[in-house]
Protein backbone atom coordinates (compact mmCIF):
# COMPACT_ATOMS: atom_id res chain seq x y z
CA MET A 1 -9.39 5.02 -10.46
CA VAL A 2 -5.95 6.06 -8.95
CA SER A 3 -5.63 5.83 -5.11
CA ALA A 4 -5.30 9.01 -3.19
CA PRO A 5 -1.65 8.81 -1.91
CA LEU A 6 -0.74 8.28 -5.64
CA ASN A 7 -3.14 11.00 -6.88
CA ASP A 8 -0.91 13.19 -4.51
CA LEU A 9 2.45 12.00 -5.74
CA PHE A 10 1.10 12.76 -9.34
CA ARG A 11 -0.07 16.35 -8.47
CA ASP A 12 3.25 17.04 -6.79
CA ALA A 13 5.20 15.57 -9.69
CA THR A 14 3.19 18.05 -12.01
CA ARG A 15 3.86 21.14 -9.54
CA ALA A 16 7.48 20.18 -9.53
CA ALA A 17 7.80 19.99 -13.46
CA GLN A 18 5.95 23.48 -14.05
CA ALA A 19 8.14 24.93 -11.19
CA GLY A 20 11.19 23.64 -13.61
CA ASP A 21 12.28 21.14 -10.95
CA ARG A 22 12.58 18.11 -13.44
CA ALA A 23 14.76 16.03 -11.20
CA GLN A 24 11.92 16.26 -8.42
CA ALA A 25 9.10 15.45 -10.98
CA ALA A 26 11.10 12.39 -12.10
CA THR A 27 11.58 11.09 -8.62
CA LEU A 28 7.93 11.77 -7.79
CA LEU A 29 6.81 10.17 -11.00
CA ALA A 30 8.92 6.88 -10.73
CA GLU A 31 7.92 6.52 -6.84
CA ALA A 32 4.19 6.99 -8.06
CA ILE A 33 4.61 4.29 -10.76
CA ASP A 34 6.52 1.89 -8.90
CA ARG A 35 3.98 2.04 -5.89
CA GLY A 36 1.07 1.62 -8.26
CA LEU A 37 2.81 -1.42 -9.73
CA ALA A 38 3.46 -3.09 -6.67
CA SER A 39 -0.05 -2.27 -5.15
CA ARG A 40 -1.64 -3.37 -8.70
CA ALA A 41 -3.43 0.15 -8.50
CA PRO A 42 -4.43 1.58 -11.80
CA LEU A 43 -2.20 4.22 -13.22
CA PRO A 44 -2.95 6.93 -15.41
CA SER A 45 -2.10 6.10 -19.13
CA LYS A 46 -0.09 9.32 -19.40
CA ALA A 47 2.24 8.35 -16.33
CA PHE A 48 4.98 6.32 -18.08
CA PHE A 49 4.91 8.79 -21.15
CA GLN A 50 5.55 12.04 -18.59
CA LEU A 51 8.32 10.22 -16.64
CA GLY A 52 9.89 9.15 -19.89
CA VAL A 53 9.73 12.78 -21.23
CA VAL A 54 11.05 14.26 -17.89
CA LEU A 55 13.99 11.79 -18.16
CA MET A 56 14.78 12.33 -21.40
CA GLU A 57 14.98 16.30 -20.67
CA LEU A 58 17.27 15.45 -17.93
CA GLY A 59 19.57 13.23 -20.26
CA ARG A 60 18.95 10.00 -18.91
CA LEU A 61 17.98 8.49 -21.93
CA ALA A 62 18.38 4.89 -20.68
CA GLN A 63 16.19 5.35 -17.90
CA ALA A 64 13.57 7.18 -20.20
CA GLU A 65 13.56 4.37 -22.50
CA HIS A 66 13.09 1.57 -19.87
CA ARG A 67 10.00 3.36 -18.25
CA VAL A 68 8.45 4.13 -21.64
CA ARG A 69 9.02 0.21 -22.50
CA GLN A 70 7.59 -0.52 -18.95
CA GLY A 71 4.53 1.45 -19.91
CA LEU A 72 4.13 -0.38 -23.25
CA ALA A 73 4.50 -3.74 -21.55
CA LYS A 74 1.71 -2.42 -18.81
CA LEU A 75 -0.46 -0.60 -21.30
CA PRO A 76 -0.06 -2.00 -24.69
CA ARG A 77 -2.96 -0.51 -26.43
CA ASP A 78 -2.12 2.86 -25.01
CA PHE A 79 -1.34 5.26 -27.98
CA ALA A 80 0.03 7.88 -25.91
CA LEU A 81 3.17 6.08 -25.44
């Protein structure tokens, strides 16, 4: 279960992406993931993938690769990655 503040960040990131503000979506997704990792809160399995895609769309390929690899390390059996 993802905690309420994290849910808010993920929701806001989704809205930003839908509005075409990929930079804001990337910032919010990264913040949510980093907070979740720091607090050891469970994260949605698609969070790392979504951040990787947004970063790739922004041309930030090294960061996208890093975040996807981070997700694979955290969730090695997640086929979404």
